[in-house]
């Protein structure tokens, strides 16, 4: 498949990424589509590994996360997993050169949607 519906991974081992800030949203979305991440974690002791990249199973990663050679990735559909990213700053505060460069890059980028 070029794109994978969430329901298609039901029953697979779910590899919980340690400290994933989006895990509750992903868990709720998966449960709505027949993929219970809590059940998968409880069944497979290997899913809690800090070296999740060494394991077999499925996980959800941002599109441009660093990847390991040979790792197979697919776009998730039905539903699409997305998040809103924002940049906020204090009005009038001077930026360091590095922060100023980052802000310019964020403003120049052609964001989708």
N, C-alpha and C. Protein backbone atom coordinates (compact mmCIF):
# COMPACT_ATOMS: atom_id res chain seq x y z
N UNK A 1 0.84 -1.19 0.00
CA UNK A 1 0.00 0.00 0.00
C UNK A 1 0.88 1.25 0.00
N UNK A 2 0.48 2.24 -0.77
CA UNK A 2 1.19 3.52 -0.74
C UNK A 2 0.77 4.37 0.43
N UNK A 3 -0.47 4.20 0.88
CA UNK A 3 -1.00 4.89 2.05
C UNK A 3 -1.75 3.85 2.88
N UNK A 4 -1.67 3.94 4.20
CA UNK A 4 -2.22 2.91 5.07
C UNK A 4 -3.33 3.48 5.95
N UNK A 5 -4.54 2.91 5.86
CA UNK A 5 -5.59 3.31 6.80
C UNK A 5 -5.26 2.77 8.19
N UNK A 6 -5.58 3.52 9.21
CA UNK A 6 -5.25 3.12 10.57
C UNK A 6 -5.82 1.74 10.89
N UNK A 7 -7.02 1.45 10.43
CA UNK A 7 -7.65 0.15 10.71
C UNK A 7 -6.82 -1.02 10.17
N UNK A 8 -5.99 -0.78 9.15
CA UNK A 8 -5.19 -1.85 8.55
C UNK A 8 -4.08 -2.34 9.47
N UNK A 9 -3.73 -1.57 10.51
CA UNK A 9 -2.66 -2.00 11.40
C UNK A 9 -3.20 -2.60 12.70
N UNK A 10 -4.52 -2.72 12.80
CA UNK A 10 -5.12 -3.35 13.99
C UNK A 10 -4.55 -4.75 14.15
N UNK A 11 -4.13 -5.08 15.36
CA UNK A 11 -3.56 -6.39 15.63
C UNK A 11 -2.05 -6.44 15.54
N UNK A 12 -1.43 -5.41 14.97
CA UNK A 12 0.04 -5.36 14.90
C UNK A 12 0.60 -4.88 16.24
N UNK A 13 1.85 -5.24 16.53
CA UNK A 13 2.50 -4.69 17.71
C UNK A 13 2.69 -3.19 17.51
N UNK A 14 2.32 -2.43 18.52
CA UNK A 14 2.48 -0.98 18.46
C UNK A 14 3.72 -0.61 19.24
N UNK A 15 4.63 0.10 18.61
CA UNK A 15 5.88 0.50 19.24
C UNK A 15 5.70 1.90 19.81
N UNK A 16 5.53 1.98 21.11
CA UNK A 16 5.31 3.26 21.78
C UNK A 16 6.62 4.02 21.83
N UNK A 17 6.63 5.20 21.23
CA UNK A 17 7.82 6.04 21.29
C UNK A 17 7.88 6.68 22.66
N UNK A 18 8.99 6.49 23.35
CA UNK A 18 9.16 7.08 24.68
C UNK A 18 9.04 8.60 24.57
N UNK A 19 8.33 9.22 25.50
CA UNK A 19 8.16 10.67 25.58
C UNK A 19 7.46 11.26 24.36
N UNK A 20 6.62 10.51 23.69
CA UNK A 20 5.88 11.04 22.54
C UNK A 20 4.81 12.00 23.05
N UNK A 21 4.91 13.27 22.66
CA UNK A 21 3.98 14.28 23.14
C UNK A 21 2.60 14.15 22.50
N UNK A 22 2.46 13.30 21.51
CA UNK A 22 1.20 13.15 20.78
C UNK A 22 0.53 11.81 21.06
N UNK A 23 1.07 11.05 22.03
CA UNK A 23 0.61 9.67 22.24
C UNK A 23 -0.86 9.57 22.63
N UNK A 24 -1.39 10.51 23.40
CA UNK A 24 -2.80 10.43 23.80
C UNK A 24 -3.72 10.67 22.61
N UNK A 25 -3.38 11.64 21.78
CA UNK A 25 -4.18 11.90 20.58
C UNK A 25 -4.14 10.69 19.64
N UNK A 26 -2.97 10.15 19.42
CA UNK A 26 -2.83 8.99 18.54
C UNK A 26 -3.56 7.79 19.12
N UNK A 27 -3.43 7.57 20.43
CA UNK A 27 -4.13 6.45 21.07
C UNK A 27 -5.63 6.56 20.92
N UNK A 28 -6.19 7.76 21.14
CA UNK A 28 -7.63 7.97 20.99
C UNK A 28 -8.07 7.72 19.55
N UNK A 29 -7.32 8.26 18.60
CA UNK A 29 -7.65 8.10 17.19
C UNK A 29 -7.58 6.62 16.78
N UNK A 30 -6.57 5.92 17.25
CA UNK A 30 -6.44 4.49 16.92
C UNK A 30 -7.61 3.69 17.47
N UNK A 31 -7.98 3.94 18.73
CA UNK A 31 -9.11 3.21 19.33
C UNK A 31 -10.40 3.41 18.53
N UNK A 32 -10.62 4.63 18.02
CA UNK A 32 -11.81 4.90 17.21
C UNK A 32 -11.83 4.09 15.91
N UNK A 33 -10.66 3.60 15.51
CA UNK A 33 -10.55 2.87 14.24
C UNK A 33 -10.12 1.42 14.44
N UNK A 34 -10.35 0.87 15.62
CA UNK A 34 -10.14 -0.55 15.86
C UNK A 34 -8.73 -0.98 16.21
N UNK A 35 -7.85 -0.05 16.50
CA UNK A 35 -6.46 -0.38 16.83
C UNK A 35 -6.20 0.09 18.25
N UNK A 36 -6.18 -0.85 19.19
CA UNK A 36 -6.03 -0.50 20.59
C UNK A 36 -4.55 -0.51 20.98
N UNK A 37 -3.95 0.66 21.08
CA UNK A 37 -2.53 0.75 21.40
C UNK A 37 -2.23 0.27 22.80
N UNK A 38 -3.14 0.46 23.76
CA UNK A 38 -2.89 -0.03 25.12
C UNK A 38 -2.82 -1.55 25.15
N UNK A 39 -3.73 -2.20 24.44
CA UNK A 39 -3.72 -3.66 24.39
C UNK A 39 -2.42 -4.15 23.76
N UNK A 40 -1.98 -3.52 22.71
CA UNK A 40 -0.75 -3.96 22.06
C UNK A 40 0.45 -3.79 22.97
N UNK A 41 0.50 -2.70 23.71
CA UNK A 41 1.61 -2.46 24.62
C UNK A 41 1.62 -3.51 25.74
N UNK A 42 0.46 -3.82 26.28
CA UNK A 42 0.36 -4.79 27.36
C UNK A 42 0.75 -6.19 26.90
N UNK A 43 0.45 -6.52 25.66
CA UNK A 43 0.72 -7.85 25.13
C UNK A 43 2.20 -8.03 24.82
N UNK A 44 2.85 -6.99 24.36
CA UNK A 44 4.22 -7.11 23.89
C UNK A 44 5.18 -6.31 24.76
N UNK A 45 5.99 -6.99 25.54
CA UNK A 45 6.94 -6.31 26.41
C UNK A 45 7.96 -5.51 25.62
N UNK A 46 8.21 -5.89 24.38
CA UNK A 46 9.24 -5.22 23.57
C UNK A 46 8.84 -3.81 23.16
N UNK A 47 7.57 -3.43 23.29
CA UNK A 47 7.14 -2.13 22.79
C UNK A 47 7.61 -0.97 23.64
N UNK A 48 8.02 -1.21 24.87
CA UNK A 48 8.44 -0.11 25.72
C UNK A 48 9.93 0.18 25.64
N UNK A 49 10.62 -0.45 24.73
CA UNK A 49 12.07 -0.29 24.62
C UNK A 49 12.47 1.12 24.23
N UNK A 50 13.53 1.63 24.84
CA UNK A 50 14.05 2.93 24.42
C UNK A 50 14.63 2.83 23.01
N UNK A 51 14.96 1.65 22.57
CA UNK A 51 15.50 1.43 21.22
C UNK A 51 14.39 0.84 20.35
N UNK A 52 13.26 1.57 20.25
CA UNK A 52 12.12 1.07 19.48
C UNK A 52 12.50 0.80 18.03
N UNK A 53 13.54 1.46 17.54
CA UNK A 53 13.93 1.29 16.15
C UNK A 53 14.48 -0.11 15.87
N UNK A 54 14.78 -0.88 16.89
CA UNK A 54 15.30 -2.23 16.69
C UNK A 54 14.18 -3.26 16.64
N UNK A 55 12.95 -2.86 16.84
CA UNK A 55 11.84 -3.80 16.99
C UNK A 55 10.99 -3.89 15.74
N UNK A 56 10.18 -4.97 15.67
CA UNK A 56 9.21 -5.14 14.59
C UNK A 56 7.85 -4.66 15.09
N UNK A 57 7.16 -3.90 14.30
CA UNK A 57 5.84 -3.41 14.65
C UNK A 57 5.56 -2.12 13.92
N UNK A 58 4.55 -1.40 14.38
CA UNK A 58 4.19 -0.13 13.75
C UNK A 58 4.27 0.99 14.78
N UNK A 59 4.55 2.18 14.30
CA UNK A 59 4.52 3.38 15.12
C UNK A 59 4.17 4.54 14.21
N UNK A 60 3.92 5.69 14.79
CA UNK A 60 3.59 6.89 14.03
C UNK A 60 4.67 7.91 14.28
N UNK A 61 5.28 8.41 13.20
CA UNK A 61 6.37 9.38 13.28
C UNK A 61 6.05 10.58 12.41
N UNK A 62 6.53 11.76 12.80
CA UNK A 62 6.41 12.90 11.89
C UNK A 62 7.11 12.59 10.57
N UNK A 63 6.61 13.14 9.49
CA UNK A 63 7.10 12.81 8.15
C UNK A 63 8.59 13.00 7.98
N UNK A 64 9.16 14.00 8.61
CA UNK A 64 10.58 14.28 8.37
C UNK A 64 11.46 13.90 9.56
N UNK A 65 11.02 12.94 10.35
CA UNK A 65 11.86 12.43 11.44
C UNK A 65 13.08 11.74 10.87
N UNK A 66 14.19 11.76 11.60
CA UNK A 66 15.34 10.99 11.13
C UNK A 66 14.96 9.52 11.00
N UNK A 67 15.32 8.92 9.90
CA UNK A 67 14.95 7.53 9.65
C UNK A 67 16.18 6.65 9.51
N UNK A 68 15.99 5.39 9.74
CA UNK A 68 17.04 4.39 9.64
C UNK A 68 16.99 3.80 8.23
N UNK A 69 18.13 3.57 7.63
CA UNK A 69 18.17 2.96 6.31
C UNK A 69 17.39 1.65 6.31
N UNK A 70 16.53 1.47 5.32
CA UNK A 70 15.77 0.24 5.20
C UNK A 70 14.43 0.26 5.92
N UNK A 71 14.17 1.28 6.73
CA UNK A 71 12.90 1.38 7.43
C UNK A 71 11.80 1.70 6.42
N UNK A 72 10.72 0.94 6.46
CA UNK A 72 9.63 1.19 5.53
C UNK A 72 8.65 2.18 6.14
N UNK A 73 8.30 3.21 5.38
CA UNK A 73 7.34 4.21 5.84
C UNK A 73 6.21 4.34 4.84
N UNK A 74 5.05 4.71 5.36
CA UNK A 74 3.87 4.97 4.53
C UNK A 74 3.11 6.13 5.13
N UNK A 75 2.38 6.83 4.30
CA UNK A 75 1.50 7.90 4.76
C UNK A 75 0.29 7.25 5.43
N UNK A 76 -0.15 7.82 6.54
CA UNK A 76 -1.33 7.32 7.25
C UNK A 76 -2.56 8.07 6.75
N UNK A 77 -3.60 7.32 6.41
CA UNK A 77 -4.87 7.90 5.95
C UNK A 77 -6.02 7.25 6.71
N UNK A 78 -7.15 7.86 6.62
CA UNK A 78 -8.41 7.32 7.16
C UNK A 78 -8.31 6.93 8.61
N UNK A 79 -8.08 7.90 9.49
CA UNK A 79 -7.92 9.33 9.25
C UNK A 79 -6.44 9.71 9.07
N UNK A 80 -6.25 10.86 8.47
CA UNK A 80 -4.90 11.42 8.39
C UNK A 80 -4.50 11.90 9.78
N UNK A 81 -3.26 11.70 10.15
CA UNK A 81 -2.76 12.21 11.42
C UNK A 81 -2.01 13.50 11.13
N UNK A 82 -2.45 14.57 11.74
CA UNK A 82 -1.84 15.87 11.50
C UNK A 82 -1.82 16.66 12.80
N UNK A 83 -0.99 17.67 12.82
CA UNK A 83 -0.96 18.57 13.96
C UNK A 83 -0.68 19.98 13.48
N UNK A 84 -1.05 20.93 14.30
CA UNK A 84 -0.81 22.33 13.99
C UNK A 84 0.47 22.76 14.69
N UNK A 85 1.33 23.43 13.97
CA UNK A 85 2.59 23.92 14.52
C UNK A 85 2.55 25.44 14.51
N UNK A 86 2.92 26.06 15.62
CA UNK A 86 2.90 27.51 15.71
C UNK A 86 4.24 28.03 16.23
N UNK A 87 4.54 29.24 15.87
CA UNK A 87 5.72 29.92 16.38
C UNK A 87 5.21 31.17 17.10
N UNK A 88 5.59 31.33 18.35
CA UNK A 88 5.16 32.50 19.13
C UNK A 88 6.40 33.17 19.72
N UNK A 89 6.31 34.48 19.84
CA UNK A 89 7.40 35.22 20.46
C UNK A 89 6.82 36.41 21.21
N UNK A 90 7.63 37.00 22.05
CA UNK A 90 7.22 38.17 22.81
C UNK A 90 7.48 39.40 21.95
N UNK A 91 6.45 40.22 21.77
CA UNK A 91 6.56 41.42 20.93
C UNK A 91 7.67 42.33 21.45
N UNK A 92 8.50 42.78 20.53
CA UNK A 92 9.56 43.72 20.89
C UNK A 92 10.85 43.09 21.39
N UNK A 93 10.84 41.81 21.64
CA UNK A 93 12.05 41.14 22.13
C UNK A 93 13.04 40.97 20.99
N UNK A 94 14.30 41.26 21.26
CA UNK A 94 15.35 41.09 20.25
C UNK A 94 15.74 39.61 20.21
N UNK A 95 15.90 39.11 19.00
CA UNK A 95 16.29 37.72 18.81
C UNK A 95 17.80 37.62 18.67
N UNK A 96 18.35 36.50 19.13
CA UNK A 96 19.74 36.19 18.84
C UNK A 96 19.84 35.94 17.35
N UNK A 97 21.04 35.96 16.77
CA UNK A 97 21.16 35.68 15.33
C UNK A 97 20.58 34.32 14.94
N UNK A 98 20.77 33.31 15.76
CA UNK A 98 20.26 31.97 15.43
C UNK A 98 18.73 31.97 15.44
N UNK A 99 18.12 32.58 16.45
CA UNK A 99 16.65 32.62 16.53
C UNK A 99 16.09 33.46 15.38
N UNK A 100 16.72 34.59 15.08
CA UNK A 100 16.26 35.43 13.97
C UNK A 100 16.29 34.66 12.66
N UNK A 101 17.32 33.87 12.44
CA UNK A 101 17.43 33.05 11.23
C UNK A 101 16.31 32.01 11.18
N UNK A 102 16.04 31.39 12.33
CA UNK A 102 14.97 30.39 12.41
C UNK A 102 13.61 31.03 12.11
N UNK A 103 13.33 32.19 12.69
CA UNK A 103 12.06 32.87 12.46
C UNK A 103 11.91 33.24 10.99
N UNK A 104 12.97 33.74 10.36
CA UNK A 104 12.91 34.06 8.93
C UNK A 104 12.61 32.81 8.10
N UNK A 105 13.25 31.71 8.44
CA UNK A 105 13.02 30.46 7.71
C UNK A 105 11.57 29.99 7.88
N UNK A 106 11.03 30.11 9.08
CA UNK A 106 9.63 29.73 9.33
C UNK A 106 8.67 30.61 8.53
N UNK A 107 8.97 31.90 8.46
CA UNK A 107 8.10 32.83 7.74
C UNK A 107 8.20 32.63 6.22
N UNK A 108 9.35 32.23 5.73
CA UNK A 108 9.55 32.06 4.29
C UNK A 108 9.02 30.72 3.77
N UNK A 109 8.91 29.74 4.64
CA UNK A 109 8.49 28.40 4.23
C UNK A 109 7.05 28.43 3.69
N UNK A 110 6.79 27.72 2.61
CA UNK A 110 5.45 27.64 2.02
C UNK A 110 4.69 26.51 2.70
N UNK A 111 4.01 26.82 3.79
CA UNK A 111 3.28 25.83 4.58
C UNK A 111 2.08 25.34 3.81
N UNK A 112 1.81 24.03 3.90
CA UNK A 112 0.64 23.45 3.24
C UNK A 112 -0.65 23.80 3.96
N UNK A 113 -1.77 23.46 3.34
CA UNK A 113 -3.06 23.69 3.99
C UNK A 113 -3.55 25.03 3.77
